[in-house]
Amino acid sequence: MLYPFFYLIFTDMAIKEKNLSAKTVDNKADISSKRIAILISEWNEEITDSLFEGAFNTLVQNGIQKQNIIKTYVPGSFELSLGAQKMAQKENVDAVICLGCVIQGETRHFEFICQSVAQGLKDVALKYDKPVIFGVLTTDSFQQALDRAGGKYGNKGDEAAITAIKMINL
């Protein structure tokens, strides 16, 4: 049975070609006055702090003023939804970037957390009609998380920031 083997090779190749960390925003409007809240999960902080650095630097490189970036920590990825709601309801916040890292363990806890966070952030975005960006790594191992937080696959924090800017410009 060769299918799983080839699937893994092609999936790995696709991921390598989808490194968006080097991307920028084309035809961007003046976003210097926009305010972006970045929520960071304290759980797996080595990973989430790296995601924050990527997001923060990408926002600044694309014109967001440093003083317009609101950095806030929440205990874990599950708490990102409520944190996002509190930020999204503020009229002076234009987008919310949520950064977290959930690593697969031996129980189904991983599935419940990932699904709940994704659903919660989607609900907040629709309720407040604001970009709420899902920058949560959902990996099988700590190494996979490192690879996506400034490692060989770039920094998904960069991608979350680019997504926020594109959605603000929408």
Protein backbone atom coordinates (compact mmCIF):
# COMPACT_ATOMS: atom_id res chain seq x y z
CA MET A 1 0.00 0.00 0.00
CA LEU A 2 1.86 3.07 -1.26
CA TYR A 3 -0.84 5.69 -0.85
CA PRO A 4 0.02 6.84 2.71
CA PHE A 5 3.72 7.09 1.84
CA PHE A 6 3.10 9.25 -1.24
CA TYR A 7 0.51 11.31 0.62
CA LEU A 8 3.07 12.17 3.29
CA ILE A 9 5.68 13.17 0.70
CA PHE A 10 3.28 15.37 -1.26
CA THR A 11 1.78 16.89 1.89
CA ASP A 12 5.25 17.76 3.17
CA MET A 13 6.17 19.30 -0.19
CA ALA A 14 2.96 21.34 -0.23
CA ILE A 15 3.67 22.69 3.24
CA LYS A 16 7.19 23.73 2.26
CA GLU A 17 5.81 25.67 -0.70
CA LYS A 18 3.14 27.35 1.45
CA ASN A 19 5.55 29.28 3.66
CA LEU A 20 3.88 32.69 3.61
CA SER A 21 6.30 34.34 6.03
CA ALA A 22 8.04 36.17 3.18
CA LYS A 23 4.77 37.54 1.78
CA THR A 24 3.81 41.18 1.96
CA VAL A 25 0.61 43.03 1.28
CA ASP A 26 0.20 44.41 -2.22
CA ASN A 27 -1.69 47.66 -2.88
CA LYS A 28 -2.16 48.30 0.80
CA ALA A 29 -4.11 51.29 2.02
CA ASP A 30 -2.74 53.53 4.77
CA ILE A 31 -3.14 51.36 7.83
CA SER A 32 -0.87 53.32 10.15
CA SER A 33 -3.78 54.44 12.32
CA LYS A 34 -5.34 50.97 12.62
CA ARG A 35 -5.26 49.29 16.03
CA ILE A 36 -4.57 45.59 16.26
CA ALA A 37 -4.98 43.48 19.38
CA ILE A 38 -2.72 40.46 19.64
CA LEU A 39 -3.75 37.83 22.15
CA ILE A 40 -1.07 35.34 23.14
CA SER A 41 -1.64 32.06 24.94
CA GLU A 42 0.75 31.57 27.86
CA TRP A 43 0.65 27.81 27.32
CA ASN A 44 3.65 26.68 25.21
CA GLU A 45 5.08 30.18 25.62
CA GLU A 46 8.34 29.41 23.82
CA ILE A 47 6.23 28.88 20.71
CA THR A 48 3.64 31.61 21.28
CA ASP A 49 6.23 34.27 22.10
CA SER A 50 7.94 33.48 18.81
CA LEU A 51 4.60 33.73 17.00
CA PHE A 52 4.07 37.12 18.64
CA GLU A 53 7.48 38.38 17.51
CA GLY A 54 6.66 37.37 13.94
CA ALA A 55 3.23 39.00 14.02
CA PHE A 56 4.45 42.19 15.70
CA ASN A 57 7.38 42.66 13.32
CA THR A 58 5.23 41.97 10.26
CA LEU A 59 2.59 44.49 11.36
CA VAL A 60 5.23 47.18 11.94
CA GLN A 61 6.97 46.42 8.61
CA ASN A 62 3.62 46.90 6.87
CA GLY A 63 2.85 50.27 8.44
CA ILE A 64 1.05 49.64 11.74
CA GLN A 65 2.38 51.99 14.41
CA LYS A 66 3.95 50.17 17.38
CA GLN A 67 1.76 52.08 19.84
CA ASN A 68 -1.32 50.78 17.97
CA ILE A 69 -0.50 47.15 18.74
CA ILE A 70 -2.17 45.91 21.91
CA LYS A 71 -0.38 42.89 23.42
CA THR A 72 -2.43 40.80 25.85
CA TYR A 73 -1.83 37.37 27.35
CA VAL A 74 -4.45 34.75 28.13
CA PRO A 75 -3.77 31.56 30.13
CA GLY A 76 -4.26 29.07 27.29
CA SER A 77 -5.62 28.65 23.78
CA PHE A 78 -9.11 27.87 25.07
CA GLU A 79 -9.27 31.38 26.60
CA LEU A 80 -8.48 33.05 23.27
CA SER A 81 -12.18 33.16 22.34
CA LEU A 82 -13.27 35.17 25.37
CA GLY A 83 -10.18 37.38 25.09
CA ALA A 84 -10.97 37.98 21.42
CA GLN A 85 -14.54 38.90 22.29
CA LYS A 86 -13.39 41.43 24.88
CA MET A 87 -11.03 43.02 22.35
CA ALA A 88 -13.43 42.88 19.39
CA GLN A 89 -16.16 44.70 21.30
CA LYS A 90 -13.86 47.71 21.68
CA GLU A 91 -14.66 50.25 19.00
CA ASN A 92 -11.05 51.35 18.66
CA VAL A 93 -9.78 47.83 17.79
CA ASP A 94 -9.79 47.07 14.07
CA ALA A 95 -8.65 43.43 14.18
CA VAL A 96 -7.72 40.74 16.68
CA ILE A 97 -4.91 38.24 16.12
CA CYS A 98 -5.08 35.15 18.32
CA LEU A 99 -1.85 33.21 18.81
CA GLY A 100 -1.69 29.84 20.50
CA CYS A 101 -0.22 26.37 20.28
CA VAL A 102 -1.99 23.11 21.01
CA ILE A 103 0.14 19.98 20.75
CA GLN A 104 -1.40 16.53 20.35
CA GLY A 105 -1.16 14.41 23.47
CA GLU A 106 -2.38 10.98 24.42
CA THR A 107 -6.00 11.99 25.00
CA ARG A 108 -8.81 13.57 22.97
CA HIS A 109 -8.31 16.87 24.85
CA PHE A 110 -6.45 18.17 21.77
CA GLU A 111 -9.49 17.71 19.55
CA PHE A 112 -11.87 19.41 21.95
CA ILE A 113 -9.61 22.42 22.48
CA CYS A 114 -8.81 22.92 18.79
CA GLN A 115 -12.43 22.65 17.70
CA SER A 116 -13.66 24.92 20.48
CA VAL A 117 -11.09 27.62 19.76
CA ALA A 118 -11.74 27.59 16.01
CA GLN A 119 -15.51 27.78 16.53
CA GLY A 120 -15.21 30.43 19.23
CA LEU A 121 -12.98 32.73 17.17
CA LYS A 122 -15.23 32.35 14.12
CA ASP A 123 -18.25 33.25 16.23
CA VAL A 124 -16.53 36.38 17.61
CA ALA A 125 -15.56 37.54 14.12
CA LEU A 126 -19.09 37.19 12.84
CA LYS A 127 -20.69 38.72 15.95
CA TYR A 128 -18.54 41.86 15.85
CA ASP A 129 -17.94 42.00 12.08
CA LYS A 130 -14.19 42.34 12.63
CA PRO A 131 -11.24 40.26 11.55
CA VAL A 132 -10.41 37.72 14.25
CA ILE A 133 -7.41 35.78 13.03
CA PHE A 134 -6.80 32.13 13.93
CA GLY A 135 -3.06 31.98 14.57
CA VAL A 136 -3.20 28.81 16.61
CA LEU A 137 -0.78 26.03 15.79
CA THR A 138 -2.37 22.59 16.06
CA THR A 139 0.56 20.21 15.77
CA ASP A 140 1.42 16.60 16.49
CA SER A 141 4.69 17.45 18.24
CA PHE A 142 6.69 20.22 19.84
CA GLN A 143 9.17 20.02 16.95
CA GLN A 144 6.39 20.65 14.42
CA ALA A 145 5.41 23.72 16.44
CA LEU A 146 9.01 24.99 16.46
CA ASP A 147 9.19 24.47 12.70
CA ARG A 148 6.16 26.77 12.28
CA ALA A 149 7.17 29.39 14.84
CA GLY A 150 10.26 30.72 13.12
CA GLY A 151 11.73 27.39 12.02
CA LYS A 152 12.01 25.71 8.66
CA TYR A 153 8.40 26.45 7.68
CA GLY A 154 8.57 30.14 8.56
CA ASN A 155 6.60 31.86 11.27
CA LYS A 156 2.83 31.49 11.28
CA GLY A 157 2.70 34.69 13.33
CA ASP A 158 3.83 36.49 10.17
CA GLU A 159 1.01 34.89 8.26
CA ALA A 160 -1.55 35.85 10.90
CA ALA A 161 -0.42 39.49 10.68
CA ILE A 162 -0.62 39.51 6.87
CA THR A 163 -4.09 37.98 7.10
CA ALA A 164 -5.20 40.68 9.55
CA ILE A 165 -3.96 43.46 7.27
CA LYS A 166 -5.63 41.92 4.21
CA MET A 167 -8.90 41.56 6.09
CA ILE A 168 -8.75 45.17 7.33
CA ASN A 169 -8.24 46.27 3.72
CA LEU A 170 -11.14 44.11 2.49
